């Protein structure tokens, strides 16, 4: 019986599908929130800079 050994690897992208209830959250507010999260994921240092 042979064993396959692979080195660990990292994915270059990660798919996420955030959703919100349109009856509670306006589409514009939901989109603005999503873009804010995307900005923090693309530049995590920005999160810490804005907290201080």
N, C-alpha and C. Protein backbone atom coordinates (compact mmCIF):
# COMPACT_ATOMS: atom_id res chain seq x y z
N UNK A 1 0.84 -1.17 0.00
CA UNK A 1 0.00 0.00 0.00
C UNK A 1 0.89 1.24 0.00
N UNK A 2 0.69 2.15 -0.96
CA UNK A 2 1.53 3.34 -1.05
C UNK A 2 0.86 4.53 -0.36
N UNK A 3 1.69 5.42 0.11
CA UNK A 3 1.21 6.62 0.78
C UNK A 3 1.56 7.84 -0.07
N UNK A 4 0.59 8.68 -0.32
CA UNK A 4 0.82 9.90 -1.08
C UNK A 4 1.04 11.03 -0.09
N UNK A 5 2.17 11.68 -0.20
CA UNK A 5 2.47 12.81 0.69
C UNK A 5 2.53 14.07 -0.15
N UNK A 6 1.78 15.02 0.27
CA UNK A 6 1.75 16.29 -0.44
C UNK A 6 2.15 17.40 0.52
N UNK A 7 2.81 18.39 -0.02
CA UNK A 7 3.18 19.52 0.82
C UNK A 7 1.95 20.43 0.99
N UNK A 8 1.85 21.10 2.14
CA UNK A 8 0.72 22.00 2.35
C UNK A 8 0.76 23.16 1.37
N UNK A 9 -0.40 23.62 0.98
CA UNK A 9 -0.46 24.75 0.06
C UNK A 9 -1.57 25.71 0.51
N UNK A 10 -1.48 26.91 0.03
CA UNK A 10 -2.47 27.94 0.36
C UNK A 10 -3.25 28.30 -0.89
N UNK A 11 -4.52 28.50 -0.72
CA UNK A 11 -5.36 28.93 -1.84
C UNK A 11 -5.16 30.42 -2.07
N UNK A 12 -5.19 30.83 -3.31
CA UNK A 12 -5.00 32.25 -3.62
C UNK A 12 -6.30 33.03 -3.51
N UNK A 13 -7.41 32.35 -3.48
CA UNK A 13 -8.69 33.04 -3.33
C UNK A 13 -9.64 32.20 -2.50
N UNK A 14 -10.63 32.85 -1.96
CA UNK A 14 -11.59 32.17 -1.11
C UNK A 14 -12.98 32.71 -1.45
N UNK A 15 -13.87 31.88 -1.87
CA UNK A 15 -15.21 32.32 -2.26
C UNK A 15 -16.11 32.43 -1.04
N UNK A 16 -16.77 33.55 -0.91
CA UNK A 16 -17.74 33.78 0.17
C UNK A 16 -18.99 34.38 -0.44
N UNK A 17 -20.11 34.04 0.09
CA UNK A 17 -21.39 34.55 -0.40
C UNK A 17 -22.19 35.15 0.74
N UNK A 18 -21.84 36.37 1.16
CA UNK A 18 -22.63 36.99 2.22
C UNK A 18 -24.01 37.37 1.71
N UNK A 19 -24.98 37.29 2.55
CA UNK A 19 -26.33 37.66 2.15
C UNK A 19 -27.00 38.43 3.28
N UNK A 20 -28.01 39.17 2.94
CA UNK A 20 -28.78 39.92 3.94
C UNK A 20 -30.24 39.91 3.53
N UNK A 21 -31.09 40.05 4.50
CA UNK A 21 -32.53 40.07 4.26
C UNK A 21 -32.92 41.47 3.77
N UNK A 22 -33.39 41.56 2.55
CA UNK A 22 -33.71 42.86 1.96
C UNK A 22 -34.86 43.56 2.68
N UNK A 23 -35.62 42.83 3.48
CA UNK A 23 -36.71 43.47 4.23
C UNK A 23 -36.19 44.22 5.45
N UNK A 24 -35.00 43.87 5.90
CA UNK A 24 -34.42 44.48 7.09
C UNK A 24 -33.31 45.46 6.72
N UNK A 25 -32.45 45.05 5.79
CA UNK A 25 -31.30 45.86 5.40
C UNK A 25 -31.49 46.35 3.97
N UNK A 26 -31.40 47.67 3.78
CA UNK A 26 -31.48 48.26 2.46
C UNK A 26 -30.34 47.74 1.59
N UNK A 27 -30.57 47.57 0.32
CA UNK A 27 -29.54 47.05 -0.59
C UNK A 27 -28.28 47.89 -0.58
N UNK A 28 -28.44 49.21 -0.53
CA UNK A 28 -27.27 50.09 -0.52
C UNK A 28 -26.45 49.88 0.75
N UNK A 29 -27.11 49.78 1.88
CA UNK A 29 -26.39 49.56 3.15
C UNK A 29 -25.69 48.21 3.15
N UNK A 30 -26.34 47.19 2.62
CA UNK A 30 -25.73 45.86 2.55
C UNK A 30 -24.51 45.85 1.64
N UNK A 31 -24.60 46.54 0.51
CA UNK A 31 -23.47 46.61 -0.42
C UNK A 31 -22.32 47.40 0.19
N UNK A 32 -22.64 48.50 0.87
CA UNK A 32 -21.59 49.31 1.51
C UNK A 32 -20.86 48.48 2.57
N UNK A 33 -21.60 47.71 3.34
CA UNK A 33 -21.00 46.84 4.35
C UNK A 33 -20.10 45.80 3.69
N UNK A 34 -20.57 45.19 2.61
CA UNK A 34 -19.79 44.17 1.91
C UNK A 34 -18.49 44.76 1.37
N UNK A 35 -18.55 45.96 0.79
CA UNK A 35 -17.33 46.59 0.27
C UNK A 35 -16.37 46.96 1.39
N UNK A 36 -16.89 47.32 2.54
CA UNK A 36 -16.04 47.62 3.69
C UNK A 36 -15.29 46.37 4.14
N UNK A 37 -15.99 45.25 4.20
CA UNK A 37 -15.37 43.97 4.57
C UNK A 37 -14.31 43.58 3.54
N UNK A 38 -14.62 43.75 2.26
CA UNK A 38 -13.66 43.44 1.20
C UNK A 38 -12.40 44.28 1.36
N UNK A 39 -12.59 45.56 1.68
CA UNK A 39 -11.44 46.44 1.88
C UNK A 39 -10.55 45.97 3.01
N UNK A 40 -11.16 45.52 4.12
CA UNK A 40 -10.37 45.03 5.25
C UNK A 40 -9.67 43.72 4.92
N UNK A 41 -10.30 42.87 4.13
CA UNK A 41 -9.66 41.61 3.74
C UNK A 41 -8.49 41.85 2.80
N UNK A 42 -8.62 42.84 1.92
CA UNK A 42 -7.54 43.13 0.98
C UNK A 42 -6.38 43.87 1.64
N UNK A 43 -6.67 44.65 2.68
CA UNK A 43 -5.63 45.42 3.38
C UNK A 43 -5.89 45.37 4.88
N UNK A 44 -5.50 44.27 5.55
CA UNK A 44 -5.80 44.11 6.98
C UNK A 44 -5.18 45.19 7.87
N UNK A 45 -4.07 45.79 7.44
CA UNK A 45 -3.44 46.85 8.24
C UNK A 45 -4.38 48.04 8.41
N UNK A 46 -5.23 48.26 7.42
CA UNK A 46 -6.18 49.37 7.48
C UNK A 46 -7.11 49.24 8.68
N UNK A 47 -7.48 48.03 9.02
CA UNK A 47 -8.37 47.81 10.16
C UNK A 47 -7.72 48.31 11.43
N UNK A 48 -6.45 47.98 11.64
CA UNK A 48 -5.77 48.39 12.85
C UNK A 48 -5.47 49.88 12.86
N UNK A 49 -5.22 50.45 11.69
CA UNK A 49 -4.98 51.88 11.61
C UNK A 49 -6.24 52.68 11.97
N UNK A 50 -7.39 52.19 11.54
CA UNK A 50 -8.64 52.89 11.82
C UNK A 50 -9.10 52.71 13.26
N UNK A 51 -8.63 51.66 13.92
CA UNK A 51 -9.02 51.42 15.31
C UNK A 51 -8.27 52.35 16.27
N UNK A 52 -7.09 52.80 15.86
CA UNK A 52 -6.30 53.64 16.78
C UNK A 52 -6.60 55.11 16.64
